Protein backbone atom coordinates (compact mmCIF):
# COMPACT_ATOMS: atom_id res chain seq x y z
CA UNK A 1 122.18 15.62 94.57
CA UNK A 2 120.57 14.70 90.93
CA UNK A 3 117.39 15.75 90.71
CA UNK A 4 116.61 11.57 89.43
CA UNK A 5 117.96 11.04 92.97
CA UNK A 6 115.47 13.43 94.15
CA UNK A 7 112.37 11.84 92.42
CA UNK A 8 113.52 8.08 93.33
CA UNK A 9 113.62 9.00 96.96
CA UNK A 10 110.42 10.98 97.22
CA UNK A 11 108.43 8.64 95.11
CA UNK A 12 109.79 5.50 97.73
CA UNK A 13 107.88 7.93 100.55
CA UNK A 14 104.69 7.96 98.85
CA UNK A 15 104.75 4.39 98.28
CA UNK A 16 105.72 3.61 101.60
CA UNK A 17 103.57 5.86 103.24
CA UNK A 18 100.52 4.30 101.24
CA UNK A 19 101.73 0.75 102.55
CA UNK A 20 101.29 2.00 106.17
CA UNK A 21 97.96 3.33 105.75
CA UNK A 22 96.61 0.09 103.62
CA UNK A 23 98.09 -1.83 106.67
CA UNK A 24 96.97 0.59 109.08
CA UNK A 25 93.64 0.21 107.82
CA UNK A 26 93.64 -3.58 107.79
CA UNK A 27 94.65 -3.79 111.40
CA UNK A 28 91.61 -1.46 112.39
CA UNK A 29 88.50 -3.08 113.91
CA UNK A 30 85.48 -3.44 111.73
CA UNK A 31 82.54 -1.22 112.29
CA UNK A 32 80.04 -2.74 114.64
CA UNK A 33 76.50 -3.23 112.08
CA UNK A 34 74.12 -0.96 113.25
CA UNK A 35 71.20 -3.47 115.40
CA UNK A 36 68.38 -4.72 113.28
CA UNK A 37 65.09 -4.16 114.84
CA UNK A 38 63.52 -7.19 116.09
CA UNK A 39 59.88 -7.68 114.14
CA UNK A 40 57.07 -6.88 115.94
CA UNK A 41 54.91 -9.43 117.86
CA UNK A 42 50.90 -9.59 117.05
CA UNK A 43 49.18 -9.13 120.49
CA UNK A 44 47.62 -12.12 121.96
CA UNK A 45 43.75 -12.49 120.89
CA UNK A 46 41.25 -12.05 123.88
CA UNK A 47 39.39 -14.95 124.97
CA UNK A 48 36.09 -14.44 123.10
CA UNK A 49 32.69 -15.39 124.61
CA UNK A 50 29.10 -14.74 123.16
CA UNK A 51 26.04 -15.40 125.26
CA UNK A 52 22.45 -15.77 124.33
CA UNK A 53 19.92 -14.92 126.83
CA UNK A 54 15.86 -15.32 127.42
CA UNK A 55 15.23 -11.60 128.87
CA UNK A 56 17.02 -8.41 129.33
CA UNK A 57 20.38 -8.69 130.57
CA UNK A 58 19.43 -6.52 133.50
CA UNK A 59 16.20 -8.40 134.71
CA UNK A 60 17.27 -8.43 138.52
CA UNK A 61 16.97 -12.54 138.07
CA UNK A 62 18.80 -15.28 135.82
CA UNK A 63 19.90 -13.16 132.76
CA UNK A 64 21.31 -10.51 134.96
CA UNK A 65 23.10 -13.05 136.86
CA UNK A 66 25.03 -14.21 133.70
CA UNK A 67 25.85 -10.67 132.70
CA UNK A 68 27.23 -9.87 135.89
CA UNK A 69 29.72 -12.29 136.22
CA UNK A 70 30.92 -12.04 132.34
CA UNK A 71 31.81 -8.40 133.45
CA UNK A 72 33.33 -9.93 136.90
CA UNK A 73 35.60 -12.37 134.79
CA UNK A 74 36.59 -9.26 132.54
CA UNK A 75 37.94 -7.14 135.19
CA UNK A 76 39.80 -10.12 136.53
CA UNK A 77 41.28 -11.15 133.58
CA UNK A 78 42.22 -7.68 132.68
CA UNK A 79 39.77 -6.20 130.73
CA UNK A 80 38.98 -6.53 127.01
CA UNK A 81 42.03 -6.85 125.68
CA UNK A 82 42.67 -10.21 127.55
CA UNK A 83 38.90 -11.21 127.76
CA UNK A 84 36.14 -9.92 125.58
CA UNK A 85 32.28 -11.23 125.25
CA UNK A 86 29.42 -9.90 123.44
CA UNK A 87 25.60 -10.89 124.15
CA UNK A 88 22.09 -10.97 122.57
CA UNK A 89 19.27 -10.81 125.01
CA UNK A 90 15.05 -11.07 125.28
CA UNK A 91 15.74 -14.18 123.29
CA UNK A 92 11.83 -15.33 123.99
CA UNK A 93 12.04 -17.25 120.68
CA UNK A 94 13.82 -20.19 120.06
CA UNK A 95 14.59 -19.88 116.23
CA UNK A 96 15.65 -16.55 116.59
CA UNK A 97 18.08 -17.62 119.63
CA UNK A 98 19.06 -21.01 117.09
CA UNK A 99 19.93 -17.81 114.40
CA UNK A 100 21.78 -15.68 117.03
CA UNK A 101 24.08 -18.99 118.68
CA UNK A 102 25.02 -20.36 114.80
CA UNK A 103 26.10 -16.98 113.49
CA UNK A 104 28.42 -16.49 117.00
CA UNK A 105 29.74 -19.84 116.20
CA UNK A 106 30.45 -18.51 112.60
CA UNK A 107 32.07 -15.90 113.60
CA UNK A 108 34.73 -17.65 115.61
CA UNK A 109 34.08 -17.04 119.04
CA UNK A 110 35.83 -19.50 121.28
CA UNK A 111 32.63 -20.19 123.86
CA UNK A 112 29.02 -19.84 123.20
CA UNK A 113 26.80 -19.77 126.17
CA UNK A 114 23.10 -20.51 125.66
CA UNK A 115 21.91 -19.00 129.05
CA UNK A 116 18.45 -20.97 129.19
CA UNK A 117 17.34 -24.29 129.62
CA UNK A 118 14.81 -23.88 126.71
CA UNK A 119 18.14 -23.60 124.42
CA UNK A 120 19.24 -27.30 125.12
CA UNK A 121 17.66 -29.16 121.40
CA UNK A 122 18.98 -26.38 119.21
CA UNK A 123 22.27 -26.54 121.07
CA UNK A 124 22.68 -30.49 120.46
CA UNK A 125 21.51 -30.24 116.72
CA UNK A 126 24.04 -27.35 115.93
CA UNK A 127 27.51 -28.28 117.89
CA UNK A 128 28.47 -30.84 115.93
CA UNK A 129 28.68 -28.03 112.31
CA UNK A 130 31.42 -26.41 114.70
CA UNK A 131 34.14 -29.02 116.54
CA UNK A 132 36.01 -26.24 117.65
CA UNK A 133 33.67 -24.08 119.33
CA UNK A 134 32.98 -24.91 122.90
CA UNK A 135 29.29 -24.48 123.86
CA UNK A 136 27.69 -24.32 127.24
CA UNK A 137 24.30 -24.11 128.42
CA UNK A 138 22.30 -24.24 131.70
CA UNK A 139 20.77 -24.57 133.69
CA UNK A 140 20.77 -28.21 132.76
CA UNK A 141 22.55 -31.27 133.07
CA UNK A 142 22.91 -32.93 129.42
CA UNK A 143 25.69 -32.46 127.61
CA UNK A 144 24.40 -34.89 124.46
CA UNK A 145 27.36 -36.95 125.19
CA UNK A 146 25.29 -40.08 124.30
CA UNK A 147 24.24 -38.26 120.64
CA UNK A 148 27.93 -38.51 120.34
CA UNK A 149 28.47 -34.51 121.00
CA UNK A 150 31.57 -33.44 122.28
CA UNK A 151 31.86 -29.85 122.47
CA UNK A 152 28.83 -29.22 124.84
CA UNK A 153 29.12 -28.01 128.40
CA UNK A 154 26.26 -28.12 130.80
CA UNK A 155 25.86 -26.36 134.01
CA UNK A 156 22.98 -26.15 137.10
CA UNK A 157 22.72 -25.22 140.82
CA UNK A 158 21.72 -26.96 143.69
CA UNK A 159 18.94 -24.01 143.92
CA UNK A 160 16.94 -25.98 147.09
CA UNK A 161 20.40 -25.02 149.58
CA UNK A 162 19.92 -21.13 149.42
CA UNK A 163 16.36 -21.65 149.05
CA UNK A 164 16.50 -23.89 152.41
CA UNK A 165 18.16 -20.99 154.49
CA UNK A 166 16.11 -18.37 153.01
CA UNK A 167 13.11 -20.81 154.47
CA UNK A 168 14.82 -21.02 157.61
CA UNK A 169 15.05 -16.88 158.19
CA UNK A 170 11.91 -16.48 156.71
CA UNK A 171 9.87 -18.88 159.48
CA UNK A 172 12.05 -17.04 161.88
CA UNK A 173 10.65 -13.53 161.18
CA UNK A 174 6.92 -14.58 160.15
CA UNK A 175 4.20 -13.22 162.42
CA UNK A 176 1.18 -15.19 160.65
CA UNK A 177 3.39 -18.09 159.88
CA UNK A 178 1.88 -17.76 156.43
CA UNK A 179 3.90 -18.22 153.35
CA UNK A 180 3.53 -17.58 149.69
CA UNK A 181 5.90 -18.98 147.10
CA UNK A 182 5.28 -18.46 143.50
CA UNK A 183 7.08 -19.41 140.49
CA UNK A 184 6.97 -19.89 136.67
CA UNK A 185 6.69 -23.27 136.14
CA UNK A 186 7.32 -26.79 138.66
CA UNK A 187 10.60 -27.25 137.06
CA UNK A 188 14.13 -26.63 137.03
CA UNK A 189 16.31 -24.61 139.58
CA UNK A 190 12.91 -22.13 140.24
CA UNK A 191 11.29 -25.09 141.78
CA UNK A 192 14.31 -26.01 143.71
CA UNK A 193 14.63 -22.86 144.96
CA UNK A 194 10.75 -22.91 146.08
CA UNK A 195 10.76 -26.68 147.32
CA UNK A 196 14.28 -25.63 149.46
CA UNK A 197 12.33 -22.70 151.26
CA UNK A 198 9.19 -24.70 151.76
CA UNK A 199 11.57 -27.05 153.39
CA UNK A 200 13.53 -24.59 155.31
CA UNK A 201 10.29 -23.38 156.67
CA UNK A 202 9.07 -26.47 157.43
CA UNK A 203 12.03 -27.28 159.41
CA UNK A 204 11.76 -24.75 161.60
CA UNK A 205 8.22 -23.97 161.96
CA UNK A 206 6.54 -27.73 161.55
CA UNK A 207 2.57 -25.98 161.44
CA UNK A 208 3.69 -23.38 158.91
CA UNK A 209 0.88 -22.61 156.43
CA UNK A 210 2.47 -22.75 152.69
CA UNK A 211 0.51 -21.73 149.69
CA UNK A 212 2.18 -22.33 146.21
CA UNK A 213 1.52 -20.95 142.78
CA UNK A 214 3.10 -21.62 139.37
CA UNK A 215 1.89 -19.02 136.80
CA UNK A 216 3.25 -20.74 133.53
CA UNK A 217 5.04 -17.60 132.28
CA UNK A 218 8.65 -16.51 133.22
CA UNK A 219 7.81 -12.96 131.81
CA UNK A 220 4.26 -12.41 132.93
CA UNK A 221 4.66 -9.59 136.03
CA UNK A 222 0.90 -9.28 136.03
CA UNK A 223 0.23 -13.11 137.08
CA UNK A 224 2.91 -12.82 139.78
CA UNK A 225 1.53 -9.87 141.03
CA UNK A 226 -2.08 -11.11 141.33
CA UNK A 227 -0.79 -14.46 143.03
CA UNK A 228 1.35 -12.31 145.21
CA UNK A 229 -1.69 -10.06 146.20
CA UNK A 230 -3.95 -13.38 146.71
CA UNK A 231 -1.00 -14.87 149.16
CA UNK A 232 -1.19 -11.17 151.24
CA UNK A 233 -5.06 -11.27 151.29
CA UNK A 234 -5.05 -14.63 153.11
CA UNK A 235 -2.21 -13.66 155.83
CA UNK A 236 1.25 -14.54 154.40
CA UNK A 237 3.96 -11.90 155.34
CA UNK A 238 6.85 -13.98 153.91
CA UNK A 239 6.81 -14.26 149.94
CA UNK A 240 9.67 -15.74 147.73
CA UNK A 241 9.81 -16.40 143.97
CA UNK A 242 11.44 -16.78 140.78
CA UNK A 243 12.23 -15.39 137.13
CA UNK A 244 12.27 -12.17 135.94
CA UNK A 245 8.15 -11.95 136.38
CA UNK A 246 8.99 -11.35 140.15
CA UNK A 247 9.18 -7.81 140.06
CA UNK A 248 5.38 -8.00 140.07
CA UNK A 249 5.53 -9.52 143.06
CA UNK A 250 8.01 -7.59 144.74
CA UNK A 251 6.15 -4.29 143.84
CA UNK A 252 3.23 -6.34 145.83
CA UNK A 253 5.64 -6.76 148.92
CA UNK A 254 6.41 -3.41 148.99
CA UNK A 255 2.90 -1.85 148.96
CA UNK A 256 1.84 -4.39 151.30
CA UNK A 257 4.65 -3.86 153.62
CA UNK A 258 5.26 -7.77 153.75
CA UNK A 259 8.76 -9.60 153.48
CA UNK A 260 10.07 -10.46 150.04
CA UNK A 261 13.39 -13.61 149.63
CA UNK A 262 14.86 -13.40 146.51
CA UNK A 263 16.63 -15.99 144.12
CA UNK A 264 19.16 -15.49 140.91
CA UNK A 265 19.93 -11.87 141.21
CA UNK A 266 19.65 -9.32 144.34
CA UNK A 267 16.28 -7.28 143.82
CA UNK A 268 17.11 -5.44 147.31
CA UNK A 269 17.26 -2.31 145.16
CA UNK A 270 13.11 -2.48 144.08
CA UNK A 271 12.13 -2.59 147.61
CA UNK A 272 15.10 -1.88 149.88
CA UNK A 273 12.92 -2.13 153.10
CA UNK A 274 10.88 -5.62 152.06
CA UNK A 275 13.81 -7.64 150.53
CA UNK A 276 15.17 -9.85 153.53
CA UNK A 277 17.73 -11.76 151.48
CA UNK A 278 18.27 -13.30 148.12
CA UNK A 279 20.13 -16.16 146.79
CA UNK A 280 22.38 -15.28 144.31
CA UNK A 281 24.05 -17.19 141.44
CA UNK A 282 27.71 -16.20 140.68
CA UNK A 283 28.79 -17.91 137.43
CA UNK A 284 31.94 -16.48 137.67
CA UNK A 285 34.05 -20.29 139.21
CA UNK A 286 32.27 -22.15 136.03
CA UNK A 287 33.19 -19.41 133.05
CA UNK A 288 36.59 -19.27 134.69
CA UNK A 289 37.17 -22.91 134.49
CA UNK A 290 35.64 -23.18 131.47
CA UNK A 291 37.91 -20.73 129.90
CA UNK A 292 40.65 -22.85 131.21
CA UNK A 293 39.38 -26.03 129.50
CA UNK A 294 38.75 -24.45 126.03
CA UNK A 295 42.06 -23.10 126.03
CA UNK A 296 43.71 -26.79 126.96
CA UNK A 297 41.41 -28.26 124.31
CA UNK A 298 38.70 -29.73 126.08
CA UNK A 299 35.34 -28.05 124.42
CA UNK A 300 32.74 -30.13 126.37
CA UNK A 301 31.35 -32.94 128.13
CA UNK A 302 31.48 -31.42 131.79
CA UNK A 303 28.60 -31.01 134.46
CA UNK A 304 29.08 -27.90 137.04
CA UNK A 305 27.04 -27.80 139.64
CA UNK A 306 26.60 -24.91 141.87
CA UNK A 307 26.24 -24.89 145.79
CA UNK A 308 27.22 -23.27 148.62
CA UNK A 309 30.18 -24.41 149.10
CA UNK A 310 31.55 -23.75 145.99
CA UNK A 311 30.62 -20.21 146.23
CA UNK A 312 28.19 -20.30 143.02
CA UNK A 313 25.41 -19.99 145.38
CA UNK A 314 25.59 -17.30 147.85
CA UNK A 315 22.97 -16.00 150.74
CA UNK A 316 23.58 -11.99 150.08
CA UNK A 317 21.37 -10.64 152.95
CA UNK A 318 20.22 -6.93 152.31
CA UNK A 319 22.09 -4.52 154.46
CA UNK A 320 19.21 -2.06 154.37
CA UNK A 321 16.62 -4.77 156.04
CA UNK A 322 17.13 -4.56 160.03
CA UNK A 323 17.90 -8.52 160.03
CA UNK A 324 17.77 -9.85 163.93
CA UNK A 325 21.26 -10.68 165.02
CA UNK A 326 20.07 -14.10 166.40
CA UNK A 327 18.23 -14.60 163.43
CA UNK A 328 21.49 -14.16 161.17
CA UNK A 329 23.49 -16.30 163.35
CA UNK A 330 20.92 -19.18 162.58
CA UNK A 331 21.28 -18.89 158.91
CA UNK A 332 24.99 -18.56 159.22
CA UNK A 333 25.11 -21.97 160.84
CA UNK A 334 22.46 -23.43 158.52
CA UNK A 335 24.77 -22.46 155.39
CA UNK A 336 27.39 -23.89 157.51
CA UNK A 337 25.95 -27.20 158.00
CA UNK A 338 24.58 -27.37 154.37
CA UNK A 339 28.25 -26.77 153.53
CA UNK A 340 29.82 -29.34 155.49
CA UNK A 341 26.51 -31.87 154.85
CA UNK A 342 25.68 -31.87 158.64
CA UNK A 343 22.03 -30.40 157.26
CA UNK A 344 20.37 -31.86 154.11
CA UNK A 345 17.30 -30.17 152.44
CA UNK A 346 15.85 -33.27 151.88
CA UNK A 347 14.81 -32.20 148.22
CA UNK A 348 14.90 -34.20 144.99
């Protein structure tokens, strides 16, 4: 075979091999592309609430009732990642409270609560400046809709109901048939509690001797103490009262070994052997409803009223007080009657 033929045959083989390789490559499946990572999604922002309170958050009274409710809602919703709240307490000074509320609204909180009836006027003035913020105040029933305001809710309690139950208990326990009732001012939920207590006492013991005093101060514990001292000296063995100043009266009850009936937050820790029961305000249901409404775009215009039936009012017995079984049974029966409407307090 000539060298020319050998070269031609080899060249042909090489070309054929290259064509085969190219064809094979064309038939091979395309490489699978590497997966593309999904862009990270931002974590949802927590619902944020800010609260301004007139007294200390641990006052064993009105401010503490809201603080405890906020803590409960935070736990129920899954912690700070879902629900966060801040507060400013001891806001006795109205201009300072107004500045704090405005600051919270400027910072974009979803719901700003003015937890005090003294804050209504300032809230009605500034709410329109923040139309995308929900506001609430209490205890009150005015949403200021008549002024064109659309983003304020109001909340209150029928505090005469729990007061009535406590009055029934007190009337059954009293040895002297004398009772002392102490409040800060004759208005609002504090007066309802006292009036309800009086109604419950009289319904159970029509001949009861009842002394009432309003100190004109929400914070002066000394005035509460003086009022309680006078009542006990005059024979009262059952006392009740409301506001953060009741610590003064409870100290007297403990010292003189007479019974105390609380309001707003549990006060049993101050006198475990003297505090019989407390009408506790649990704002949790209202907070949850306002949060849901705000998320849906309803920022105000509603009035929420707490009762025994909707569990915003709760009669809390002190487990350290030896309450006779028949008295507790009567109290429970009274609660049921107030819930189903067969019992009325008669308080207006």
